[in-house]
N, C-alpha and C. Protein backbone atom coordinates (compact mmCIF):
# COMPACT_ATOMS: atom_id res chain seq x y z
N MET A 1 83.90 39.26 14.71
CA MET A 1 83.31 38.34 13.86
C MET A 1 82.12 37.65 14.65
N GLY A 2 82.34 37.63 15.93
CA GLY A 2 81.33 36.95 16.93
C GLY A 2 79.98 37.60 16.80
N THR A 3 79.98 38.92 16.40
CA THR A 3 78.73 39.58 16.37
C THR A 3 78.04 39.22 15.05
N ALA A 4 78.84 39.14 13.96
CA ALA A 4 78.29 38.87 12.66
C ALA A 4 77.82 37.35 12.68
N ASN A 5 78.55 36.44 13.24
CA ASN A 5 78.00 35.16 13.33
C ASN A 5 76.55 35.02 14.11
N LYS A 6 76.44 35.79 15.12
CA LYS A 6 75.17 35.79 15.88
C LYS A 6 74.21 36.41 15.05
N ILE A 7 74.38 37.33 14.41
CA ILE A 7 73.42 38.05 13.43
C ILE A 7 72.89 36.93 12.27
N ASN A 8 73.91 36.28 11.71
CA ASN A 8 73.66 35.36 10.64
C ASN A 8 72.96 34.19 11.20
N LYS A 9 73.26 33.68 12.35
CA LYS A 9 72.50 32.57 12.90
C LYS A 9 71.02 33.06 13.25
N LYS A 10 70.81 34.17 13.73
CA LYS A 10 69.58 34.70 13.96
C LYS A 10 68.82 34.91 12.73
N TRP A 11 69.40 35.36 11.76
CA TRP A 11 68.62 35.66 10.44
C TRP A 11 68.42 34.28 9.86
N PHE A 12 69.31 33.33 9.68
CA PHE A 12 69.05 32.06 9.06
C PHE A 12 68.18 31.20 9.99
N GLY A 13 68.14 31.32 11.10
CA GLY A 13 67.29 30.66 12.06
C GLY A 13 65.85 31.11 11.84
N TRP A 14 65.58 32.29 11.74
CA TRP A 14 64.22 32.88 11.41
C TRP A 14 63.72 32.37 10.03
N ILE A 15 64.56 32.50 9.04
CA ILE A 15 64.18 32.07 7.71
C ILE A 15 63.97 30.56 7.66
N SER A 16 64.77 29.79 8.39
CA SER A 16 64.53 28.25 8.32
C SER A 16 63.28 27.96 9.13
N LYS A 17 62.94 28.63 10.17
CA LYS A 17 61.73 28.56 10.98
C LYS A 17 60.58 28.98 9.96
N SER A 18 60.81 30.08 9.31
CA SER A 18 59.75 30.50 8.55
C SER A 18 59.53 29.55 7.41
N ILE A 19 60.46 28.86 6.73
CA ILE A 19 60.25 28.03 5.74
C ILE A 19 59.50 26.68 6.22
N SER A 20 59.92 26.27 7.45
CA SER A 20 59.28 25.03 8.03
C SER A 20 57.77 25.52 8.35
N LEU A 21 57.52 26.71 8.81
CA LEU A 21 56.18 26.98 9.06
C LEU A 21 55.37 26.98 7.70
N LYS A 22 56.03 27.54 6.54
CA LYS A 22 55.38 27.59 5.39
C LYS A 22 55.10 26.15 4.81
N VAL A 23 56.00 25.37 4.92
CA VAL A 23 55.89 23.85 4.53
C VAL A 23 54.84 23.27 5.41
N SER A 24 54.81 23.52 6.71
CA SER A 24 53.78 22.88 7.57
C SER A 24 52.46 23.35 7.09
N PHE A 25 52.34 24.59 6.97
CA PHE A 25 50.97 25.26 6.72
C PHE A 25 50.51 24.57 5.33
N VAL A 26 51.46 24.62 4.34
CA VAL A 26 50.91 23.93 3.06
C VAL A 26 50.49 22.57 3.14
N LEU A 27 51.26 21.86 3.95
CA LEU A 27 50.93 20.39 4.16
C LEU A 27 49.62 20.25 4.84
N LEU A 28 49.42 21.18 5.88
CA LEU A 28 48.20 21.21 6.60
C LEU A 28 46.91 21.46 5.79
N ILE A 29 47.19 22.47 4.93
CA ILE A 29 46.00 22.79 3.98
C ILE A 29 45.78 21.54 2.89
N THR A 30 46.82 21.02 2.49
CA THR A 30 46.80 19.80 1.49
C THR A 30 46.09 18.62 2.20
N ILE A 31 46.41 18.41 3.38
CA ILE A 31 45.77 17.31 4.07
C ILE A 31 44.28 17.62 4.33
N VAL A 32 44.02 18.80 4.72
CA VAL A 32 42.52 19.18 5.03
C VAL A 32 41.74 18.99 3.60
N ILE A 33 42.45 19.63 2.45
CA ILE A 33 41.65 19.49 1.23
C ILE A 33 41.40 17.90 0.82
N ILE A 34 42.43 17.06 1.05
CA ILE A 34 42.50 15.79 0.56
C ILE A 34 41.29 15.06 1.44
N PHE A 35 41.36 15.36 2.71
CA PHE A 35 40.44 14.70 3.67
C PHE A 35 38.92 15.22 3.45
N SER A 36 38.86 16.52 2.97
CA SER A 36 37.56 17.03 2.76
C SER A 36 37.08 16.22 1.40
N ILE A 37 37.80 16.26 0.30
CA ILE A 37 37.39 15.67 -0.79
C ILE A 37 37.00 14.17 -0.67
N THR A 38 37.92 13.47 0.10
CA THR A 38 37.63 11.96 0.40
C THR A 38 36.38 11.85 1.19
N GLY A 39 36.12 12.77 2.25
CA GLY A 39 34.97 12.48 3.06
C GLY A 39 33.73 13.02 2.29
N SER A 40 33.78 13.91 1.14
CA SER A 40 32.65 14.16 0.39
C SER A 40 32.30 13.17 -0.51
N VAL A 41 33.44 12.50 -1.12
CA VAL A 41 33.20 11.32 -1.91
C VAL A 41 32.49 10.09 -1.23
N ILE A 42 33.10 9.87 0.00
CA ILE A 42 32.55 8.69 0.80
C ILE A 42 31.07 9.01 1.16
N TYR A 43 30.85 10.36 1.65
CA TYR A 43 29.52 10.60 2.00
C TYR A 43 28.44 10.51 0.77
N SER A 44 28.88 11.00 -0.29
CA SER A 44 28.01 11.00 -1.57
C SER A 44 27.71 9.44 -1.96
N TYR A 45 28.80 8.73 -1.92
CA TYR A 45 28.57 7.23 -2.24
C TYR A 45 27.65 6.52 -1.25
N THR A 46 27.99 6.77 -0.02
CA THR A 46 27.26 6.06 1.13
C THR A 46 25.72 6.37 0.93
N LYS A 47 25.59 7.88 0.74
CA LYS A 47 24.10 8.32 0.67
C LYS A 47 23.44 7.77 -0.52
N SER A 48 24.07 7.59 -1.62
CA SER A 48 23.35 7.08 -2.87
C SER A 48 23.10 5.50 -2.58
N LEU A 49 24.19 4.76 -1.93
CA LEU A 49 24.06 3.41 -1.69
C LEU A 49 22.87 3.15 -0.63
N LEU A 50 22.69 4.03 0.33
CA LEU A 50 21.69 3.92 1.32
C LEU A 50 20.26 4.34 0.78
N ILE A 51 20.24 5.31 -0.24
CA ILE A 51 18.97 5.54 -0.99
C ILE A 51 18.53 4.45 -1.73
N ARG A 52 19.56 3.90 -2.57
CA ARG A 52 19.23 2.71 -3.34
C ARG A 52 18.73 1.50 -2.58
N ASN A 53 19.29 1.17 -1.40
CA ASN A 53 18.82 0.01 -0.70
C ASN A 53 17.44 0.32 -0.06
N ILE A 54 17.10 1.56 0.47
CA ILE A 54 15.86 1.91 0.80
C ILE A 54 14.75 1.73 -0.18
N GLU A 55 15.16 2.22 -1.40
CA GLU A 55 14.20 2.10 -2.57
C GLU A 55 13.98 0.79 -2.86
N THR A 56 15.03 -0.14 -2.97
CA THR A 56 14.75 -1.51 -3.04
C THR A 56 13.99 -2.23 -1.96
N GLU A 57 14.15 -1.87 -0.82
CA GLU A 57 13.43 -2.54 0.27
C GLU A 57 12.02 -2.00 0.27
N LEU A 58 11.78 -0.81 -0.11
CA LEU A 58 10.34 -0.24 -0.25
C LEU A 58 9.61 -0.85 -1.38
N THR A 59 10.31 -1.08 -2.46
CA THR A 59 9.64 -1.64 -3.57
C THR A 59 9.34 -3.08 -3.32
N THR A 60 10.21 -3.85 -2.58
CA THR A 60 10.03 -5.31 -2.25
C THR A 60 8.87 -5.35 -1.25
N LYS A 61 8.86 -4.50 -0.28
CA LYS A 61 7.69 -4.57 0.63
C LYS A 61 6.37 -4.03 -0.13
N SER A 62 6.34 -3.06 -0.87
CA SER A 62 5.24 -2.74 -1.73
C SER A 62 4.77 -3.84 -2.46
N ASP A 63 5.61 -4.62 -3.18
CA ASP A 63 5.20 -5.73 -4.12
C ASP A 63 4.49 -6.76 -3.18
N ALA A 64 5.11 -7.01 -1.95
CA ALA A 64 4.49 -8.20 -1.14
C ALA A 64 3.15 -7.64 -0.65
N ILE A 65 2.98 -6.34 -0.40
CA ILE A 65 1.74 -5.97 0.15
C ILE A 65 0.65 -6.04 -0.95
N ALA A 66 1.21 -5.67 -2.15
CA ALA A 66 0.31 -5.71 -3.43
C ALA A 66 -0.17 -7.05 -3.58
N ALA A 67 0.79 -8.11 -3.47
CA ALA A 67 0.47 -9.40 -3.64
C ALA A 67 -0.55 -9.98 -2.64
N GLN A 68 -0.41 -9.43 -1.37
CA GLN A 68 -1.30 -9.83 -0.31
C GLN A 68 -2.65 -9.35 -0.74
N VAL A 69 -2.80 -8.10 -1.12
CA VAL A 69 -4.09 -7.69 -1.45
C VAL A 69 -4.81 -8.15 -2.63
N ASP A 70 -3.98 -8.57 -3.75
CA ASP A 70 -4.44 -9.20 -4.92
C ASP A 70 -4.95 -10.70 -4.36
N HIS A 71 -4.22 -11.32 -3.47
CA HIS A 71 -4.56 -12.55 -3.00
C HIS A 71 -5.87 -12.44 -2.22
N LEU A 72 -6.06 -11.38 -1.40
CA LEU A 72 -7.36 -11.27 -0.51
C LEU A 72 -8.51 -11.02 -1.60
N PHE A 73 -8.24 -10.21 -2.57
CA PHE A 73 -9.40 -10.07 -3.43
C PHE A 73 -9.80 -11.23 -4.47
N ALA A 74 -8.61 -11.98 -4.63
CA ALA A 74 -8.90 -13.25 -5.38
C ALA A 74 -9.65 -14.22 -4.52
N GLU A 75 -9.27 -14.35 -3.24
CA GLU A 75 -9.88 -15.31 -2.38
C GLU A 75 -11.46 -14.87 -2.09
N LYS A 76 -11.63 -13.47 -1.95
CA LYS A 76 -13.08 -13.16 -1.79
C LYS A 76 -13.88 -13.11 -3.15
N GLY A 77 -13.01 -12.99 -4.29
CA GLY A 77 -13.91 -13.13 -5.60
C GLY A 77 -14.35 -14.71 -5.65
N ALA A 78 -13.45 -15.51 -5.26
CA ALA A 78 -13.78 -17.05 -5.33
C ALA A 78 -15.02 -17.24 -4.47
N VAL A 79 -14.97 -16.86 -3.28
CA VAL A 79 -16.23 -16.92 -2.52
C VAL A 79 -17.45 -16.44 -3.15
N ILE A 80 -17.32 -15.16 -3.81
CA ILE A 80 -18.45 -14.65 -4.45
C ILE A 80 -18.86 -15.47 -5.68
N LYS A 81 -17.90 -15.95 -6.49
CA LYS A 81 -18.28 -16.90 -7.56
C LYS A 81 -18.96 -18.06 -7.28
N GLN A 82 -18.43 -18.59 -6.08
CA GLN A 82 -19.05 -19.90 -5.57
C GLN A 82 -20.49 -19.59 -5.17
N PHE A 83 -20.69 -18.61 -4.47
CA PHE A 83 -22.09 -18.17 -3.97
C PHE A 83 -22.99 -17.77 -5.19
N ALA A 84 -22.37 -17.20 -6.21
CA ALA A 84 -23.28 -16.85 -7.31
C ALA A 84 -23.76 -17.89 -8.19
N SER A 85 -22.92 -19.10 -8.03
CA SER A 85 -23.20 -20.31 -8.89
C SER A 85 -24.24 -21.19 -8.07
N ASN A 86 -24.50 -20.83 -6.83
CA ASN A 86 -25.42 -21.57 -5.90
C ASN A 86 -26.87 -21.58 -6.64
N HIS A 87 -27.52 -22.74 -6.98
CA HIS A 87 -28.67 -22.80 -7.67
C HIS A 87 -29.86 -22.26 -6.87
N GLY A 88 -29.62 -22.23 -5.55
CA GLY A 88 -30.77 -21.76 -4.73
C GLY A 88 -30.86 -20.16 -4.84
N VAL A 89 -29.62 -19.55 -4.96
CA VAL A 89 -29.56 -18.10 -5.12
C VAL A 89 -30.35 -17.80 -6.52
N ALA A 90 -29.88 -18.49 -7.58
CA ALA A 90 -30.44 -18.27 -8.95
C ALA A 90 -32.01 -18.36 -8.93
N ASN A 91 -32.27 -19.45 -8.06
CA ASN A 91 -33.86 -19.87 -8.07
C ASN A 91 -34.53 -18.65 -7.26
N LEU A 92 -33.97 -18.15 -6.28
CA LEU A 92 -34.55 -17.13 -5.48
C LEU A 92 -34.72 -15.99 -6.35
N LEU A 93 -33.72 -15.49 -6.96
CA LEU A 93 -33.75 -14.29 -7.76
C LEU A 93 -34.66 -14.39 -9.06
N ASP A 94 -34.78 -15.69 -9.61
CA ASP A 94 -35.60 -15.78 -10.76
C ASP A 94 -36.95 -15.83 -10.32
N THR A 95 -37.42 -16.33 -9.19
CA THR A 95 -38.83 -16.62 -8.93
C THR A 95 -39.45 -15.60 -7.96
N THR A 96 -38.60 -14.68 -7.29
CA THR A 96 -39.19 -13.73 -6.49
C THR A 96 -39.33 -12.50 -7.37
N LYS A 97 -40.65 -11.90 -7.31
CA LYS A 97 -40.96 -10.78 -8.20
C LYS A 97 -40.86 -9.46 -7.45
N SER A 98 -40.84 -9.51 -6.05
CA SER A 98 -40.90 -8.42 -5.14
C SER A 98 -40.33 -8.42 -3.78
N ARG A 99 -40.03 -7.53 -3.17
CA ARG A 99 -39.53 -7.53 -1.83
C ARG A 99 -40.47 -8.21 -0.92
N ASN A 100 -41.81 -8.06 -1.09
CA ASN A 100 -42.74 -8.67 -0.19
C ASN A 100 -42.84 -10.21 -0.20
N GLU A 101 -42.34 -10.77 -1.37
CA GLU A 101 -42.36 -12.30 -1.66
C GLU A 101 -41.12 -12.91 -1.14
N VAL A 102 -40.05 -12.17 -0.99
CA VAL A 102 -38.77 -12.83 -0.68
C VAL A 102 -38.73 -13.60 0.56
N GLN A 103 -39.29 -13.33 1.47
CA GLN A 103 -39.26 -13.91 2.82
C GLN A 103 -40.05 -15.27 2.74
N SER A 104 -41.07 -15.33 1.81
CA SER A 104 -41.71 -16.56 1.73
C SER A 104 -41.23 -17.50 0.84
N ASN A 105 -40.19 -17.18 0.08
CA ASN A 105 -39.55 -18.07 -0.75
C ASN A 105 -38.93 -19.28 -0.07
N PRO A 106 -38.99 -20.51 -0.56
CA PRO A 106 -38.52 -21.52 0.23
C PRO A 106 -36.90 -21.54 0.20
N GLN A 107 -36.30 -20.81 -0.62
CA GLN A 107 -34.76 -20.66 -0.65
C GLN A 107 -34.38 -19.69 0.28
N PHE A 108 -35.21 -18.83 0.78
CA PHE A 108 -34.75 -17.62 1.57
C PHE A 108 -33.95 -18.01 2.92
N LYS A 109 -34.49 -19.04 3.73
CA LYS A 109 -33.82 -19.24 4.99
C LYS A 109 -32.55 -19.84 4.66
N GLY A 110 -32.18 -20.76 3.71
CA GLY A 110 -30.96 -21.38 3.45
C GLY A 110 -30.01 -20.18 3.04
N ILE A 111 -30.32 -19.35 2.10
CA ILE A 111 -29.52 -18.36 1.60
C ILE A 111 -29.21 -17.42 2.67
N MET A 112 -30.06 -16.97 3.59
CA MET A 112 -29.68 -16.05 4.77
C MET A 112 -28.66 -16.80 5.62
N GLN A 113 -28.69 -18.11 5.83
CA GLN A 113 -27.81 -18.72 6.58
C GLN A 113 -26.46 -18.68 5.92
N THR A 114 -26.45 -18.96 4.58
CA THR A 114 -25.25 -18.92 3.77
C THR A 114 -24.56 -17.56 3.95
N LEU A 115 -25.42 -16.36 3.74
CA LEU A 115 -24.83 -15.11 3.94
C LEU A 115 -24.22 -14.90 5.18
N ASP A 116 -24.89 -15.30 6.28
CA ASP A 116 -24.34 -15.16 7.64
C ASP A 116 -23.11 -15.91 7.81
N SER A 117 -22.95 -17.08 7.29
CA SER A 117 -21.84 -17.88 7.46
C SER A 117 -20.63 -17.26 6.77
N ILE A 118 -20.85 -16.64 5.64
CA ILE A 118 -19.79 -15.95 4.83
C ILE A 118 -19.10 -14.91 5.66
N VAL A 119 -20.02 -14.04 6.28
CA VAL A 119 -19.60 -13.04 7.20
C VAL A 119 -18.85 -13.51 8.33
N GLU A 120 -19.33 -14.60 8.99
CA GLU A 120 -18.68 -15.30 10.30
C GLU A 120 -17.43 -15.82 9.87
N THR A 121 -17.25 -16.50 8.71
CA THR A 121 -15.79 -17.11 8.42
C THR A 121 -14.89 -16.24 7.65
N ASN A 122 -15.25 -15.10 7.38
CA ASN A 122 -14.34 -14.09 6.72
C ASN A 122 -14.18 -12.86 7.43
N ASP A 123 -13.04 -12.72 8.13
CA ASP A 123 -12.70 -11.56 8.96
C ASP A 123 -12.81 -10.18 8.10
N ASN A 124 -12.42 -10.29 6.92
CA ASN A 124 -12.47 -9.06 6.08
C ASN A 124 -13.78 -8.79 5.41
N VAL A 125 -14.85 -9.46 5.79
CA VAL A 125 -16.17 -9.29 5.10
C VAL A 125 -17.07 -8.78 6.24
N ALA A 126 -17.57 -7.54 6.03
CA ALA A 126 -18.49 -6.80 7.26
C ALA A 126 -19.98 -7.25 6.89
N MET A 127 -20.16 -7.50 5.50
CA MET A 127 -21.61 -7.83 5.24
C MET A 127 -21.62 -8.57 3.94
N ALA A 128 -22.56 -9.46 3.83
CA ALA A 128 -22.74 -10.22 2.46
C ALA A 128 -24.16 -10.02 2.18
N TRP A 129 -24.31 -9.76 0.90
CA TRP A 129 -25.78 -9.60 0.46
C TRP A 129 -25.91 -9.88 -1.05
N ILE A 130 -27.23 -10.03 -1.51
CA ILE A 130 -27.50 -10.19 -2.95
C ILE A 130 -28.59 -9.12 -3.10
N ALA A 131 -28.80 -8.76 -4.41
CA ALA A 131 -29.81 -7.82 -4.76
C ALA A 131 -30.38 -8.38 -6.00
N SER A 132 -31.72 -8.09 -6.02
CA SER A 132 -32.46 -8.37 -7.30
C SER A 132 -32.92 -7.16 -8.10
N SER A 133 -32.57 -7.09 -9.35
CA SER A 133 -33.07 -5.99 -10.05
C SER A 133 -34.46 -6.31 -10.55
N LYS A 134 -34.87 -7.49 -10.66
CA LYS A 134 -36.13 -7.91 -11.17
C LYS A 134 -37.22 -7.68 -9.96
N GLY A 135 -36.89 -7.96 -8.72
CA GLY A 135 -37.70 -7.61 -7.71
C GLY A 135 -37.52 -6.28 -7.06
N ASN A 136 -36.27 -5.46 -7.22
CA ASN A 136 -35.83 -4.38 -6.69
C ASN A 136 -35.83 -4.52 -5.20
N PHE A 137 -35.05 -5.47 -4.73
CA PHE A 137 -34.80 -5.65 -3.35
C PHE A 137 -33.40 -6.10 -3.07
N LEU A 138 -32.97 -6.15 -1.86
CA LEU A 138 -31.65 -6.44 -1.33
C LEU A 138 -31.89 -7.19 -0.01
N ILE A 139 -31.26 -8.40 0.01
CA ILE A 139 -31.19 -9.08 1.25
C ILE A 139 -29.88 -9.29 1.57
N GLY A 140 -29.54 -9.40 2.93
CA GLY A 140 -28.12 -9.45 3.49
C GLY A 140 -27.98 -10.29 4.70
N SER A 141 -26.75 -10.47 5.10
CA SER A 141 -26.46 -11.12 6.36
C SER A 141 -27.13 -10.37 7.56
N ASN A 142 -27.42 -11.10 8.64
CA ASN A 142 -27.95 -10.51 9.81
C ASN A 142 -29.48 -10.15 9.55
N ASN A 143 -30.09 -10.88 8.77
CA ASN A 143 -31.54 -10.69 8.39
C ASN A 143 -31.73 -9.33 7.78
N LEU A 144 -30.88 -8.86 7.01
CA LEU A 144 -31.13 -7.50 6.27
C LEU A 144 -32.15 -7.74 5.21
N LEU A 145 -33.17 -6.87 5.19
CA LEU A 145 -34.14 -6.79 4.12
C LEU A 145 -34.28 -5.27 3.75
N SER A 146 -34.04 -4.92 2.59
CA SER A 146 -34.10 -3.48 2.21
C SER A 146 -35.53 -2.97 2.50
N ASP A 147 -35.52 -1.64 2.85
CA ASP A 147 -36.99 -1.17 2.95
C ASP A 147 -37.69 -0.96 1.69
N PRO A 148 -38.87 -0.63 1.78
CA PRO A 148 -39.72 -0.43 0.48
C PRO A 148 -39.20 0.73 -0.43
N SER A 149 -38.55 1.80 0.13
CA SER A 149 -37.99 2.76 -0.77
C SER A 149 -36.79 2.45 -1.39
N PHE A 150 -36.18 1.16 -1.26
CA PHE A 150 -35.00 0.88 -1.90
C PHE A 150 -35.21 0.93 -3.33
N ASP A 151 -34.02 1.51 -4.08
CA ASP A 151 -34.29 1.51 -5.51
C ASP A 151 -32.83 1.06 -5.96
N ILE A 152 -32.80 -0.11 -6.56
CA ILE A 152 -31.54 -0.78 -6.98
C ILE A 152 -30.92 0.14 -8.20
N PHE A 153 -31.70 0.77 -8.97
CA PHE A 153 -31.26 1.36 -10.19
C PHE A 153 -30.59 2.65 -9.87
N SER A 154 -30.80 3.09 -8.71
CA SER A 154 -30.02 4.52 -8.32
C SER A 154 -28.77 4.19 -7.39
N ARG A 155 -28.40 3.04 -7.24
CA ARG A 155 -27.17 2.64 -6.59
C ARG A 155 -26.02 2.78 -7.39
N PRO A 156 -24.89 3.40 -6.68
CA PRO A 156 -23.71 3.70 -7.59
C PRO A 156 -23.03 2.46 -8.05
N TRP A 157 -23.27 1.47 -7.54
CA TRP A 157 -22.58 0.10 -7.87
C TRP A 157 -23.40 -0.62 -8.96
N TYR A 158 -24.62 -0.28 -9.20
CA TYR A 158 -25.61 -1.11 -10.00
C TYR A 158 -24.98 -1.05 -11.54
N LYS A 159 -24.88 0.03 -12.08
CA LYS A 159 -24.50 0.03 -13.59
C LYS A 159 -23.23 -0.51 -13.70
N PRO A 160 -22.08 -0.20 -13.01
CA PRO A 160 -20.63 -0.82 -13.24
C PRO A 160 -20.77 -2.32 -13.00
N ALA A 161 -21.62 -2.78 -12.02
CA ALA A 161 -21.54 -4.30 -11.78
C ALA A 161 -22.33 -4.90 -12.98
N LEU A 162 -23.26 -4.31 -13.64
CA LEU A 162 -23.80 -4.95 -14.66
C LEU A 162 -22.95 -5.03 -15.91
N ALA A 163 -22.11 -3.98 -16.14
CA ALA A 163 -21.24 -3.91 -17.22
C ALA A 163 -20.04 -4.91 -17.05
N GLU A 164 -19.74 -5.33 -15.79
CA GLU A 164 -18.55 -6.12 -15.54
C GLU A 164 -19.04 -7.70 -15.92
N ASP A 165 -18.13 -8.33 -16.55
CA ASP A 165 -18.47 -9.76 -16.82
C ASP A 165 -17.93 -10.67 -15.72
N ASP A 166 -17.01 -10.08 -14.76
CA ASP A 166 -16.58 -11.01 -13.80
C ASP A 166 -16.95 -10.26 -12.45
N VAL A 167 -16.35 -10.57 -11.33
CA VAL A 167 -16.68 -10.03 -10.08
C VAL A 167 -16.34 -8.57 -10.08
N TYR A 168 -17.16 -7.80 -9.54
CA TYR A 168 -17.11 -6.35 -9.49
C TYR A 168 -16.81 -5.78 -7.96
N PHE A 169 -15.77 -5.23 -7.74
CA PHE A 169 -15.41 -4.74 -6.35
C PHE A 169 -15.70 -3.17 -6.48
N THR A 170 -16.40 -2.63 -5.65
CA THR A 170 -16.65 -1.28 -5.37
C THR A 170 -15.63 -0.62 -4.52
N ASP A 171 -15.61 0.61 -4.56
CA ASP A 171 -14.96 1.29 -3.50
C ASP A 171 -15.77 1.35 -2.16
N PRO A 172 -15.23 1.38 -1.00
CA PRO A 172 -15.97 1.31 0.21
C PRO A 172 -16.89 2.56 0.31
N TYR A 173 -18.13 2.31 0.68
CA TYR A 173 -19.01 3.39 0.87
C TYR A 173 -19.90 3.17 2.07
N GLY A 174 -20.43 4.24 2.50
CA GLY A 174 -21.34 4.07 3.86
C GLY A 174 -22.93 4.20 3.51
C-alpha cells in the first residue's frame, strides 16, 4: 500500500498544482483585462477632458485677442472721425482745386503738423494722410505730397471708401 499512496499523492499533487495554476492564470487574465479596460476608460476620459479644456482656453484667448483688435480699430476710428470733423481739413479739401495749390493753402501747415502728431502719438500708425478727389492729390505725414501722376480714382481703396458711410479700413498694401 505504500506504493499506491505515493502514486495517489503524486497524482493528486499534480492535479492540485494544475488547478491552482489554472485558477492563477484565469485570475491573471481577468486582472489584466480589468486593468486594460479601466486604463482605456481613464485615458479616454482624460483625453476628452484635456481637449475640452484646451478648446475652452483657446476660445477664451481668441475672444480676448479679438476684443483687443476691435478696441484698436475703434480707437483708430475715433482718431480718424475726430480728424475728419476738423474744419481746417474740410476747408483745405473744399478750397484746393489741384495738387499745385495745396502747399499754398493757409490750412496746409497746420494739417501737416496734425498728421505728423497722429503718427508720433500712435505706435500702430505708420502713416496718416488725406486725399482729395476734387484736386486729385494726397498729402500725408512726413511732408508727403503725391506726385503729379497720382490718380485717386484708380486706387483700390477709393470706391469702397466712398461707398462706406463710416470709417473704412483697407487691407494692408504696399
